[in-house]
Amino acid sequence: MDKDLIQALRLRGVDFTTARESETEGYLDEQQLEFATAQGRALYSFNIKDYMLVHSQFLGHEKSHAGIILTGQRQYSIGEQLRRLLLLIAAKSSEDMQDQVVFLSSFR
């Protein structure tokens, strides 16, 4: 995650953590999602292909997750990511995110 996006989200009171901060860098995608879910957090990633597969595997094994937010690596500027993430946060509760995959492109 870009440090400018991290700072901008924190200035707006968004409660989140990064893989670096939680010392989960290098974890497998499944482990990242399990960790985020244990923390009650949706996972934000640019890794669309792999996390769509992980989502399907979780549901196929009747495992729940706290939600996945996906976007393309270079799809949006930092400012546009911030704007769309804030729209998503305003629109969806943690209950709404349960076991869902949400694309940042849905929030304009």
Protein backbone atom coordinates (compact mmCIF):
# COMPACT_ATOMS: atom_id res chain seq x y z
CA MET A 1 0.00 0.00 0.00
CA ASP A 2 1.29 3.43 -0.87
CA LYS A 3 2.41 5.47 2.14
CA ASP A 4 0.44 8.52 0.94
CA LEU A 5 -2.77 6.47 0.83
CA ILE A 6 -2.03 5.07 4.29
CA GLN A 7 -1.54 8.57 5.69
CA ALA A 8 -4.65 9.94 3.98
CA LEU A 9 -6.83 7.10 5.30
CA ARG A 10 -5.48 7.52 8.82
CA LEU A 11 -6.06 11.28 8.74
CA ARG A 12 -9.69 10.46 7.99
CA GLY A 13 -9.98 8.08 10.92
CA VAL A 14 -10.06 4.85 8.94
CA ASP A 15 -9.12 1.89 11.14
CA PHE A 16 -6.87 -0.46 9.18
CA THR A 17 -3.48 -2.11 9.17
CA THR A 18 -1.03 -3.13 6.47
CA ALA A 19 0.73 -6.46 5.96
CA ARG A 20 3.99 -4.77 6.91
CA GLU A 21 2.57 -3.35 10.15
CA SER A 22 0.96 -6.64 11.13
CA GLU A 23 4.11 -8.55 10.14
CA THR A 24 2.25 -10.79 7.72
CA GLU A 25 4.29 -9.95 4.62
CA GLY A 26 5.16 -13.20 2.90
CA TYR A 27 2.04 -14.99 4.12
CA LEU A 28 0.10 -16.96 1.53
CA ASP A 29 -3.06 -15.28 0.23
CA GLU A 30 -5.24 -17.67 2.23
CA GLN A 31 -3.28 -16.85 5.38
CA GLN A 32 -3.62 -13.11 4.73
CA LEU A 33 -7.39 -13.48 4.42
CA GLU A 34 -7.59 -15.65 7.53
CA PHE A 35 -5.54 -13.09 9.47
CA ALA A 36 -7.69 -10.18 8.28
CA THR A 37 -10.85 -12.10 9.14
CA ALA A 38 -9.56 -12.93 12.62
CA GLN A 39 -9.01 -9.18 13.09
CA GLY A 40 -12.53 -8.43 11.81
CA ARG A 41 -11.13 -6.59 8.79
CA ALA A 42 -11.85 -6.72 5.10
CA LEU A 43 -8.78 -7.28 2.94
CA TYR A 44 -7.80 -4.73 0.25
CA SER A 45 -5.69 -6.04 -2.62
CA PHE A 46 -4.63 -5.46 -6.20
CA ASN A 47 -4.32 -9.23 -6.68
CA ILE A 48 -7.69 -9.81 -8.35
CA LYS A 49 -7.01 -13.21 -9.92
CA ASP A 50 -5.64 -14.90 -6.81
CA TYR A 51 -8.13 -13.45 -4.34
CA MET A 52 -11.10 -14.38 -6.54
CA LEU A 53 -9.79 -17.95 -6.36
CA VAL A 54 -9.24 -17.75 -2.58
CA HIS A 55 -12.78 -16.36 -2.16
CA SER A 56 -14.21 -19.29 -4.12
CA GLN A 57 -12.14 -21.77 -2.11
CA PHE A 58 -13.29 -20.28 1.19
CA LEU A 59 -16.95 -20.46 0.20
CA GLY A 60 -16.49 -23.96 -1.25
CA HIS A 61 -15.11 -25.14 2.09
CA GLU A 62 -17.82 -23.23 3.99
CA LYS A 63 -15.21 -20.91 5.49
CA SER A 64 -16.28 -17.37 6.19
CA HIS A 65 -14.24 -14.20 5.65
CA ALA A 66 -14.67 -10.54 6.54
CA GLY A 67 -14.69 -9.35 2.93
CA ILE A 68 -12.32 -8.66 0.07
CA ILE A 69 -11.92 -5.32 -1.72
CA LEU A 70 -10.20 -5.58 -5.10
CA THR A 71 -8.88 -3.20 -7.72
CA GLY A 72 -6.30 -3.26 -10.50
CA GLN A 73 -2.71 -2.35 -9.63
CA ARG A 74 -2.54 0.80 -11.72
CA GLN A 75 -6.25 1.38 -12.19
CA TYR A 76 -6.56 4.46 -9.95
CA SER A 77 -4.41 7.24 -8.58
CA ILE A 78 -3.88 7.48 -4.82
CA GLY A 79 -6.50 10.22 -4.63
CA GLU A 80 -9.02 8.17 -6.58
CA GLN A 81 -8.37 5.08 -4.43
CA LEU A 82 -8.93 7.21 -1.34
CA ARG A 83 -12.15 8.69 -2.68
CA ARG A 84 -13.55 5.30 -3.68
CA LEU A 85 -12.48 3.59 -0.45
CA LEU A 86 -14.21 6.31 1.58
CA LEU A 87 -17.37 5.87 -0.51
CA LEU A 88 -17.25 2.12 0.08
CA ILE A 89 -16.75 2.58 3.84
CA ALA A 90 -19.74 4.93 3.96
CA ALA A 91 -21.92 2.56 1.94
CA LYS A 92 -21.12 -0.86 3.43
CA SER A 93 -21.04 -2.05 7.02
CA SER A 94 -18.80 -4.86 8.19
CA GLU A 95 -21.89 -7.09 8.12
CA ASP A 96 -22.48 -6.12 4.48
CA MET A 97 -18.91 -7.11 3.64
CA GLN A 98 -19.13 -10.58 5.21
CA ASP A 99 -18.12 -13.22 2.59
CA GLN A 100 -18.31 -10.63 -0.20
CA VAL A 101 -15.91 -9.54 -2.92
CA VAL A 102 -16.30 -5.86 -3.73
CA PHE A 103 -14.59 -4.14 -6.65
CA LEU A 104 -13.44 -0.59 -6.03
CA SER A 105 -14.66 0.24 -9.55
CA SER A 106 -18.24 -0.08 -8.23
CA PHE A 107 -17.82 3.08 -6.14
CA ARG A 108 -17.78 6.32 -8.14
